[in-house]
Amino acid sequence: MEPGLLMAPIIIFMVIVAPIWLILHYRSKRQISQGLSEDEYRQLSDLSEAADQMAERIQTLEAILDAETPDWRKKV
């Protein structure tokens, strides 16, 4: 195999692919270290609120089922 044949892809990789790869890598690292944006924090708060409401609903439904069908937990 000719040495020049292998050098061309390596040079193309080093000149084009590697810099883009490094830029994208460090940009994502910076975004991770900055934490949540305002919008992401708001979305997280909304999801937390919805989860709390769902937990309350589940407790209510379980209480209703316990009152109407005491053995329902054994059937599941």
C-alpha atoms as a PDB file:
ATOM      1  CA  MET A   1       0.000   0.000   0.000  1.00  0.00           C
ATOM      2  CA  GLU A   2       1.244   3.423  -0.894  1.00  0.00           C
ATOM      3  CA  PRO A   3       1.950   5.832   2.014  1.00  0.00           C
ATOM      4  CA  GLY A   4       0.336   8.771   0.195  1.00  0.00           C
ATOM      5  CA  LEU A   5      -2.916   6.851  -0.126  1.00  0.00           C
ATOM      6  CA  LEU A   6      -3.270   6.593   3.652  1.00  0.00           C
ATOM      7  CA  MET A   7      -2.129  10.149   4.339  1.00  0.00           C
ATOM      8  CA  ALA A   8      -4.934  11.829   2.347  1.00  0.00           C
ATOM      9  CA  PRO A   9      -7.817  10.542   4.535  1.00  0.00           C
ATOM     10  CA  ILE A  10      -5.838  11.326   7.700  1.00  0.00           C
ATOM     11  CA  ILE A  11      -5.203  14.905   6.561  1.00  0.00           C
ATOM     12  CA  ILE A  12      -8.847  15.384   5.581  1.00  0.00           C
ATOM     13  CA  PHE A  13      -9.901  14.052   8.981  1.00  0.00           C
ATOM     14  CA  MET A  14      -7.497  16.334  10.862  1.00  0.00           C
ATOM     15  CA  VAL A  15      -8.438  19.450   8.860  1.00  0.00           C
ATOM     16  CA  ILE A  16     -12.235  19.043   8.618  1.00  0.00           C
ATOM     17  CA  VAL A  17     -13.676  16.443  10.991  1.00  0.00           C
ATOM     18  CA  ALA A  18     -11.508  16.839  14.102  1.00  0.00           C
ATOM     19  CA  PRO A  19     -12.049  20.615  14.591  1.00  0.00           C
ATOM     20  CA  ILE A  20     -15.830  20.300  14.173  1.00  0.00           C
ATOM     21  CA  TRP A  21     -15.844  17.353  16.535  1.00  0.00           C
ATOM     22  CA  LEU A  22     -13.877  19.268  19.176  1.00  0.00           C
ATOM     23  CA  ILE A  23     -16.063  22.379  18.875  1.00  0.00           C
ATOM     24  CA  LEU A  24     -19.262  20.371  19.293  1.00  0.00           C
ATOM     25  CA  HIS A  25     -17.791  18.358  22.159  1.00  0.00           C
ATOM     26  CA  TYR A  26     -16.718  21.365  24.210  1.00  0.00           C
ATOM     27  CA  ARG A  27     -19.915  23.284  23.432  1.00  0.00           C
ATOM     28  CA  SER A  28     -21.960  20.428  24.881  1.00  0.00           C
ATOM     29  CA  LYS A  29     -19.657  20.235  27.921  1.00  0.00           C
ATOM     30  CA  ARG A  30     -20.147  23.963  28.533  1.00  0.00           C
ATOM     31  CA  GLN A  31     -23.938  23.666  28.273  1.00  0.00           C
ATOM     32  CA  ILE A  32     -23.945  20.821  30.778  1.00  0.00           C
ATOM     33  CA  SER A  33     -21.824  22.761  33.249  1.00  0.00           C
ATOM     34  CA  GLN A  34     -24.055  25.855  33.017  1.00  0.00           C
ATOM     35  CA  GLY A  35     -27.042  23.989  34.411  1.00  0.00           C
ATOM     36  CA  LEU A  36     -30.679  24.445  33.479  1.00  0.00           C
ATOM     37  CA  SER A  37     -31.957  27.383  31.485  1.00  0.00           C
ATOM     38  CA  GLU A  38     -35.022  29.317  32.671  1.00  0.00           C
ATOM     39  CA  ASP A  39     -37.264  27.462  30.230  1.00  0.00           C
ATOM     40  CA  GLU A  40     -35.891  24.066  31.269  1.00  0.00           C
ATOM     41  CA  TYR A  41     -36.316  24.965  34.949  1.00  0.00           C
ATOM     42  CA  ARG A  42     -39.934  26.020  34.297  1.00  0.00           C
ATOM     43  CA  GLN A  43     -40.631  22.782  32.425  1.00  0.00           C
ATOM     44  CA  LEU A  44     -39.103  20.774  35.253  1.00  0.00           C
ATOM     45  CA  SER A  45     -41.256  22.618  37.796  1.00  0.00           C
ATOM     46  CA  ASP A  46     -44.383  21.982  35.713  1.00  0.00           C
ATOM     47  CA  LEU A  47     -43.555  18.287  35.444  1.00  0.00           C
ATOM     48  CA  SER A  48     -42.930  18.080  39.178  1.00  0.00           C
ATOM     49  CA  GLU A  49     -46.292  19.707  39.859  1.00  0.00           C
ATOM     50  CA  ALA A  50     -48.039  17.297  37.486  1.00  0.00           C
ATOM     51  CA  ALA A  51     -46.334  14.335  39.179  1.00  0.00           C
ATOM     52  CA  ASP A  52     -47.505  15.542  42.598  1.00  0.00           C
ATOM     53  CA  GLN A  53     -51.081  15.866  41.316  1.00  0.00           C
ATOM     54  CA  MET A  54     -50.921  12.381  39.813  1.00  0.00           C
ATOM     55  CA  ALA A  55     -49.645  10.953  43.109  1.00  0.00           C
ATOM     56  CA  GLU A  56     -52.586  12.536  44.945  1.00  0.00           C
ATOM     57  CA  ARG A  57     -55.025  11.118  42.387  1.00  0.00           C
ATOM     58  CA  ILE A  58     -53.515   7.657  42.730  1.00  0.00           C
ATOM     59  CA  GLN A  59     -53.870   7.809  46.519  1.00  0.00           C
ATOM     60  CA  THR A  60     -57.508   8.869  46.121  1.00  0.00           C
ATOM     61  CA  LEU A  61     -58.212   6.054  43.653  1.00  0.00           C
ATOM     62  CA  GLU A  62     -56.539   3.509  45.931  1.00  0.00           C
ATOM     63  CA  ALA A  63     -58.632   4.740  48.866  1.00  0.00           C
ATOM     64  CA  ILE A  64     -61.802   4.343  46.789  1.00  0.00           C
ATOM     65  CA  LEU A  65     -60.766   0.860  45.695  1.00  0.00           C
ATOM     66  CA  ASP A  66     -59.887  -0.110  49.272  1.00  0.00           C
ATOM     67  CA  ALA A  67     -63.363   0.978  50.394  1.00  0.00           C
ATOM     68  CA  GLU A  68     -65.255  -0.722  47.572  1.00  0.00           C
ATOM     69  CA  THR A  69     -63.113  -3.822  46.977  1.00  0.00           C
ATOM     70  CA  PRO A  70     -60.822  -4.589  49.918  1.00  0.00           C
ATOM     71  CA  ASP A  71     -59.082  -7.514  48.185  1.00  0.00           C
ATOM     72  CA  TRP A  72     -58.161  -5.660  44.993  1.00  0.00           C
ATOM     73  CA  ARG A  73     -54.453  -5.541  45.899  1.00  0.00           C
ATOM     74  CA  LYS A  74     -54.303  -9.323  46.127  1.00  0.00           C
ATOM     75  CA  LYS A  75     -55.749  -9.637  42.597  1.00  0.00           C
ATOM     76  CA  VAL A  76     -53.053  -7.463  41.055  1.00  0.00           C
END
